[in-house]
Amino acid sequence: MATNPKLKDELADRLFQGILLLENQEECYQFFEDICTISELKSLAQRLDVAFMLKQGHTYDDIVAKTGASTATISRVKRCLNYGADGYKLVLERVESQNKQAKLAVKADEA
């Protein structure tokens, strides 16, 4: 799905270009600690956790209990999963793929 053209501008382009230049998780922590408040970063992480749980079929009550997210946040994430730009889907699929590859590598090392 195409991105919302209202989001695209030179400043956003520069932000995403910078994010794409980060090379590892530690660099991500450094950058996001500087660019976000702790609350903003926790909210972003919570939304991704909500997306993972929704994809796994958890109920709103389960998600509220585990993440502390409001039902409004859960609804917004669910709407994005169903009707959004597929950003969550892209990340969820790639993380799941990376986790599977890591598990296979561990099994191969154990053999």
N, C-alpha and C. Protein backbone atom coordinates (compact mmCIF):
# COMPACT_ATOMS: atom_id res chain seq x y z
N MET A 1 0.83 -1.17 0.00
CA MET A 1 0.00 0.00 0.00
C MET A 1 0.88 1.24 0.00
N ALA A 2 0.45 2.25 -0.68
CA ALA A 2 1.21 3.49 -0.79
C ALA A 2 1.16 4.27 0.52
N THR A 3 2.21 5.02 0.75
CA THR A 3 2.26 5.86 1.95
C THR A 3 1.41 7.10 1.75
N ASN A 4 0.93 7.62 2.84
CA ASN A 4 0.14 8.84 2.81
C ASN A 4 1.02 9.99 2.33
N PRO A 5 0.67 10.61 1.20
CA PRO A 5 1.51 11.70 0.67
C PRO A 5 1.60 12.90 1.62
N LYS A 6 0.65 13.04 2.53
CA LYS A 6 0.69 14.15 3.49
C LYS A 6 1.85 14.00 4.47
N LEU A 7 2.36 12.78 4.63
CA LEU A 7 3.48 12.53 5.54
C LEU A 7 4.82 12.84 4.91
N LYS A 8 4.87 12.79 3.59
CA LYS A 8 6.15 12.91 2.89
C LYS A 8 6.55 14.37 2.76
N ASP A 9 7.72 14.66 3.28
CA ASP A 9 8.34 15.96 3.08
C ASP A 9 9.84 15.81 3.33
N GLU A 10 10.57 16.88 3.12
CA GLU A 10 12.02 16.83 3.24
C GLU A 10 12.49 16.44 4.64
N LEU A 11 11.80 16.94 5.67
CA LEU A 11 12.20 16.63 7.04
C LEU A 11 11.98 15.15 7.37
N ALA A 12 10.84 14.62 6.97
CA ALA A 12 10.57 13.20 7.20
C ALA A 12 11.56 12.34 6.40
N ASP A 13 11.84 12.75 5.17
CA ASP A 13 12.83 12.02 4.36
C ASP A 13 14.17 11.95 5.08
N ARG A 14 14.60 13.06 5.65
CA ARG A 14 15.89 13.11 6.35
C ARG A 14 15.85 12.22 7.60
N LEU A 15 14.74 12.25 8.33
CA LEU A 15 14.60 11.40 9.51
C LEU A 15 14.73 9.94 9.13
N PHE A 16 13.97 9.50 8.12
CA PHE A 16 14.00 8.09 7.74
C PHE A 16 15.34 7.70 7.13
N GLN A 17 15.96 8.61 6.42
CA GLN A 17 17.30 8.35 5.89
C GLN A 17 18.26 8.09 7.05
N GLY A 18 18.16 8.91 8.09
CA GLY A 18 19.01 8.72 9.27
C GLY A 18 18.76 7.39 9.95
N ILE A 19 17.49 7.03 10.10
CA ILE A 19 17.15 5.75 10.74
C ILE A 19 17.71 4.59 9.94
N LEU A 20 17.61 4.67 8.63
CA LEU A 20 18.13 3.59 7.78
C LEU A 20 19.64 3.45 7.85
N LEU A 21 20.32 4.48 8.33
CA LEU A 21 21.79 4.42 8.45
C LEU A 21 22.25 3.77 9.75
N LEU A 22 21.32 3.55 10.69
CA LEU A 22 21.69 2.88 11.93
C LEU A 22 22.04 1.43 11.63
N GLU A 23 23.12 0.96 12.24
CA GLU A 23 23.65 -0.35 11.87
C GLU A 23 23.31 -1.48 12.83
N ASN A 24 22.90 -1.17 14.05
CA ASN A 24 22.60 -2.24 15.00
C ASN A 24 21.68 -1.71 16.09
N GLN A 25 21.28 -2.63 16.97
CA GLN A 25 20.33 -2.29 18.02
C GLN A 25 20.88 -1.22 18.97
N GLU A 26 22.14 -1.31 19.31
CA GLU A 26 22.74 -0.32 20.22
C GLU A 26 22.69 1.08 19.60
N GLU A 27 22.97 1.19 18.31
CA GLU A 27 22.87 2.49 17.65
C GLU A 27 21.43 2.99 17.64
N CYS A 28 20.48 2.09 17.49
CA CYS A 28 19.06 2.47 17.56
C CYS A 28 18.73 3.02 18.95
N TYR A 29 19.20 2.34 19.99
CA TYR A 29 18.97 2.83 21.35
C TYR A 29 19.55 4.24 21.51
N GLN A 30 20.77 4.44 21.04
CA GLN A 30 21.41 5.75 21.17
C GLN A 30 20.61 6.83 20.46
N PHE A 31 20.24 6.57 19.23
CA PHE A 31 19.53 7.56 18.43
C PHE A 31 18.16 7.86 19.02
N PHE A 32 17.39 6.81 19.30
CA PHE A 32 16.03 7.03 19.79
C PHE A 32 16.00 7.61 21.19
N GLU A 33 17.03 7.34 22.00
CA GLU A 33 17.11 7.98 23.31
C GLU A 33 17.28 9.49 23.15
N ASP A 34 18.02 9.89 22.13
CA ASP A 34 18.22 11.31 21.89
C ASP A 34 17.02 11.98 21.23
N ILE A 35 16.35 11.29 20.33
CA ILE A 35 15.30 11.92 19.52
C ILE A 35 13.91 11.85 20.17
N CYS A 36 13.71 10.88 21.06
CA CYS A 36 12.40 10.70 21.70
C CYS A 36 12.51 10.89 23.21
N THR A 37 11.39 11.25 23.81
CA THR A 37 11.33 11.17 25.26
C THR A 37 11.19 9.69 25.62
N ILE A 38 11.46 9.37 26.87
CA ILE A 38 11.29 7.99 27.30
C ILE A 38 9.85 7.56 27.10
N SER A 39 8.92 8.43 27.38
CA SER A 39 7.50 8.12 27.22
C SER A 39 7.14 7.85 25.76
N GLU A 40 7.68 8.65 24.85
CA GLU A 40 7.42 8.43 23.42
C GLU A 40 7.98 7.09 22.97
N LEU A 41 9.18 6.78 23.40
CA LEU A 41 9.81 5.52 23.01
C LEU A 41 9.03 4.33 23.58
N LYS A 42 8.61 4.44 24.83
CA LYS A 42 7.83 3.36 25.45
C LYS A 42 6.50 3.19 24.71
N SER A 43 5.88 4.29 24.28
CA SER A 43 4.61 4.21 23.54
C SER A 43 4.80 3.51 22.19
N LEU A 44 5.87 3.84 21.49
CA LEU A 44 6.15 3.19 20.22
C LEU A 44 6.37 1.68 20.41
N ALA A 45 7.16 1.33 21.42
CA ALA A 45 7.43 -0.08 21.71
C ALA A 45 6.14 -0.81 22.10
N GLN A 46 5.30 -0.13 22.87
CA GLN A 46 4.04 -0.73 23.30
C GLN A 46 3.14 -1.01 22.09
N ARG A 47 3.07 -0.07 21.15
CA ARG A 47 2.24 -0.27 19.96
C ARG A 47 2.70 -1.48 19.15
N LEU A 48 4.00 -1.65 19.03
CA LEU A 48 4.50 -2.80 18.28
C LEU A 48 4.17 -4.10 19.02
N ASP A 49 4.28 -4.07 20.35
CA ASP A 49 3.92 -5.24 21.14
C ASP A 49 2.43 -5.57 20.97
N VAL A 50 1.59 -4.54 20.96
CA VAL A 50 0.16 -4.72 20.72
C VAL A 50 -0.06 -5.36 19.35
N ALA A 51 0.65 -4.89 18.35
CA ALA A 51 0.51 -5.45 17.00
C ALA A 51 0.88 -6.92 16.98
N PHE A 52 1.99 -7.29 17.65
CA PHE A 52 2.38 -8.70 17.73
C PHE A 52 1.27 -9.53 18.37
N MET A 53 0.73 -9.03 19.46
CA MET A 53 -0.29 -9.78 20.18
C MET A 53 -1.58 -9.90 19.37
N LEU A 54 -1.97 -8.83 18.68
CA LEU A 54 -3.16 -8.89 17.83
C LEU A 54 -2.97 -9.92 16.73
N LYS A 55 -1.78 -9.93 16.14
CA LYS A 55 -1.51 -10.88 15.06
C LYS A 55 -1.57 -12.32 15.57
N GLN A 56 -1.21 -12.52 16.82
CA GLN A 56 -1.24 -13.85 17.42
C GLN A 56 -2.65 -14.23 17.89
N GLY A 57 -3.61 -13.30 17.77
CA GLY A 57 -4.99 -13.61 18.11
C GLY A 57 -5.39 -13.35 19.55
N HIS A 58 -4.58 -12.62 20.29
CA HIS A 58 -4.93 -12.29 21.68
C HIS A 58 -6.14 -11.37 21.74
N THR A 59 -6.89 -11.47 22.82
CA THR A 59 -8.05 -10.61 23.03
C THR A 59 -7.60 -9.26 23.56
N TYR A 60 -8.51 -8.28 23.46
CA TYR A 60 -8.22 -6.96 24.01
C TYR A 60 -7.89 -7.07 25.50
N ASP A 61 -8.65 -7.88 26.24
CA ASP A 61 -8.40 -8.02 27.68
C ASP A 61 -7.00 -8.56 27.96
N ASP A 62 -6.58 -9.55 27.19
CA ASP A 62 -5.22 -10.10 27.34
C ASP A 62 -4.18 -9.02 27.07
N ILE A 63 -4.40 -8.25 26.01
CA ILE A 63 -3.43 -7.22 25.61
C ILE A 63 -3.35 -6.12 26.65
N VAL A 64 -4.51 -5.68 27.15
CA VAL A 64 -4.53 -4.66 28.21
C VAL A 64 -3.77 -5.15 29.42
N ALA A 65 -4.04 -6.40 29.82
CA ALA A 65 -3.39 -6.97 31.00
C ALA A 65 -1.88 -7.07 30.85
N LYS A 66 -1.42 -7.48 29.67
CA LYS A 66 0.02 -7.68 29.47
C LYS A 66 0.76 -6.38 29.20
N THR A 67 0.16 -5.50 28.39
CA THR A 67 0.90 -4.31 27.95
C THR A 67 0.53 -3.03 28.68
N GLY A 68 -0.66 -3.00 29.25
CA GLY A 68 -1.13 -1.76 29.87
C GLY A 68 -1.66 -0.77 28.85
N ALA A 69 -1.73 -1.17 27.59
CA ALA A 69 -2.23 -0.28 26.54
C ALA A 69 -3.72 -0.04 26.73
N SER A 70 -4.16 1.14 26.35
CA SER A 70 -5.59 1.44 26.42
C SER A 70 -6.31 0.74 25.28
N THR A 71 -7.61 0.56 25.44
CA THR A 71 -8.38 -0.05 24.36
C THR A 71 -8.37 0.84 23.13
N ALA A 72 -8.25 2.15 23.32
CA ALA A 72 -8.16 3.07 22.18
C ALA A 72 -6.88 2.81 21.38
N THR A 73 -5.77 2.60 22.09
CA THR A 73 -4.50 2.29 21.42
C THR A 73 -4.60 0.95 20.69
N ILE A 74 -5.19 -0.03 21.34
CA ILE A 74 -5.33 -1.34 20.72
C ILE A 74 -6.18 -1.23 19.46
N SER A 75 -7.27 -0.49 19.55
CA SER A 75 -8.15 -0.30 18.39
C SER A 75 -7.43 0.39 17.25
N ARG A 76 -6.63 1.39 17.58
CA ARG A 76 -5.89 2.11 16.53
C ARG A 76 -4.88 1.19 15.85
N VAL A 77 -4.17 0.40 16.63
CA VAL A 77 -3.19 -0.53 16.05
C VAL A 77 -3.92 -1.56 15.19
N LYS A 78 -5.05 -2.06 15.68
CA LYS A 78 -5.80 -3.04 14.90
C LYS A 78 -6.29 -2.44 13.59
N ARG A 79 -6.74 -1.20 13.63
CA ARG A 79 -7.19 -0.53 12.41
C ARG A 79 -6.02 -0.39 11.43
N CYS A 80 -4.85 -0.06 11.94
CA CYS A 80 -3.67 0.04 11.08
C CYS A 80 -3.29 -1.31 10.49
N LEU A 81 -3.39 -2.36 11.29
CA LEU A 81 -3.09 -3.70 10.78
C LEU A 81 -4.04 -4.08 9.65
N ASN A 82 -5.29 -3.70 9.79
CA ASN A 82 -6.30 -4.09 8.81
C ASN A 82 -6.40 -3.14 7.62
N TYR A 83 -6.21 -1.86 7.85
CA TYR A 83 -6.48 -0.87 6.80
C TYR A 83 -5.35 0.14 6.60
N GLY A 84 -4.23 -0.07 7.25
CA GLY A 84 -3.13 0.91 7.19
C GLY A 84 -2.22 0.71 5.99
N ALA A 85 -1.05 1.27 6.11
CA ALA A 85 -0.06 1.25 5.02
C ALA A 85 0.78 -0.02 5.01
N ASP A 86 0.44 -0.99 5.85
CA ASP A 86 1.13 -2.28 5.96
C ASP A 86 2.51 -2.19 6.59
N GLY A 87 2.79 -1.09 7.27
CA GLY A 87 4.07 -0.95 7.96
C GLY A 87 4.23 -1.95 9.09
N TYR A 88 3.18 -2.09 9.91
CA TYR A 88 3.24 -3.10 10.98
C TYR A 88 3.45 -4.48 10.39
N LYS A 89 2.67 -4.82 9.37
CA LYS A 89 2.78 -6.16 8.77
C LYS A 89 4.19 -6.43 8.27
N LEU A 90 4.78 -5.45 7.63
CA LEU A 90 6.14 -5.59 7.12
C LEU A 90 7.12 -5.89 8.25
N VAL A 91 7.05 -5.11 9.32
CA VAL A 91 7.97 -5.31 10.44
C VAL A 91 7.70 -6.63 11.15
N LEU A 92 6.43 -6.94 11.38
CA LEU A 92 6.10 -8.19 12.06
C LEU A 92 6.61 -9.40 11.28
N GLU A 93 6.40 -9.40 9.98
CA GLU A 93 6.88 -10.51 9.15
C GLU A 93 8.40 -10.63 9.19
N ARG A 94 9.08 -9.51 9.12
CA ARG A 94 10.55 -9.55 9.12
C ARG A 94 11.11 -9.97 10.46
N VAL A 95 10.50 -9.51 11.55
CA VAL A 95 10.96 -9.93 12.87
C VAL A 95 10.72 -11.42 13.06
N GLU A 96 9.55 -11.90 12.66
CA GLU A 96 9.25 -13.33 12.78
C GLU A 96 10.23 -14.15 11.94
N SER A 97 10.53 -13.69 10.74
CA SER A 97 11.47 -14.40 9.89
C SER A 97 12.86 -14.43 10.52
N GLN A 98 13.28 -13.31 11.06
CA GLN A 98 14.59 -13.23 11.70
C GLN A 98 14.65 -14.15 12.93
N ASN A 99 13.56 -14.19 13.70
CA ASN A 99 13.51 -15.07 14.87
C ASN A 99 13.58 -16.53 14.46
N LYS A 100 12.89 -16.90 13.38
CA LYS A 100 12.94 -18.28 12.89
C LYS A 100 14.35 -18.65 12.46
N GLN A 101 15.00 -17.73 11.75
CA GLN A 101 16.37 -17.99 11.29
C GLN A 101 17.31 -18.16 12.48
N ALA A 102 17.12 -17.36 13.50
CA ALA A 102 17.96 -17.47 14.68
C ALA A 102 17.76 -18.80 15.38
N LYS A 103 16.51 -19.26 15.47
CA LYS A 103 16.22 -20.55 16.09
C LYS A 103 16.83 -21.68 15.28
N LEU A 104 16.76 -21.59 13.96
CA LEU A 104 17.36 -22.62 13.11
C LEU A 104 18.88 -22.64 13.28
N ALA A 105 19.49 -21.48 13.41
CA ALA A 105 20.94 -21.41 13.59
C ALA A 105 21.34 -22.05 14.92
N VAL A 106 20.54 -21.82 15.97
CA VAL A 106 20.83 -22.43 17.26
C VAL A 106 20.72 -23.95 17.17
N LYS A 107 19.66 -24.44 16.50
CA LYS A 107 19.51 -25.88 16.33
C LYS A 107 20.65 -26.48 15.53
N ALA A 108 21.12 -25.77 14.52
CA ALA A 108 22.23 -26.25 13.70
C ALA A 108 23.51 -26.32 14.53
N ASP A 109 23.70 -25.34 15.42
CA ASP A 109 24.87 -25.34 16.28
C ASP A 109 24.84 -26.46 17.30
N GLU A 110 23.62 -26.82 17.74
CA GLU A 110 23.46 -27.89 18.72
C GLU A 110 23.68 -29.27 18.11
N ALA A 111 23.48 -29.36 16.80
CA ALA A 111 23.60 -30.66 16.13
C ALA A 111 25.02 -31.07 15.89
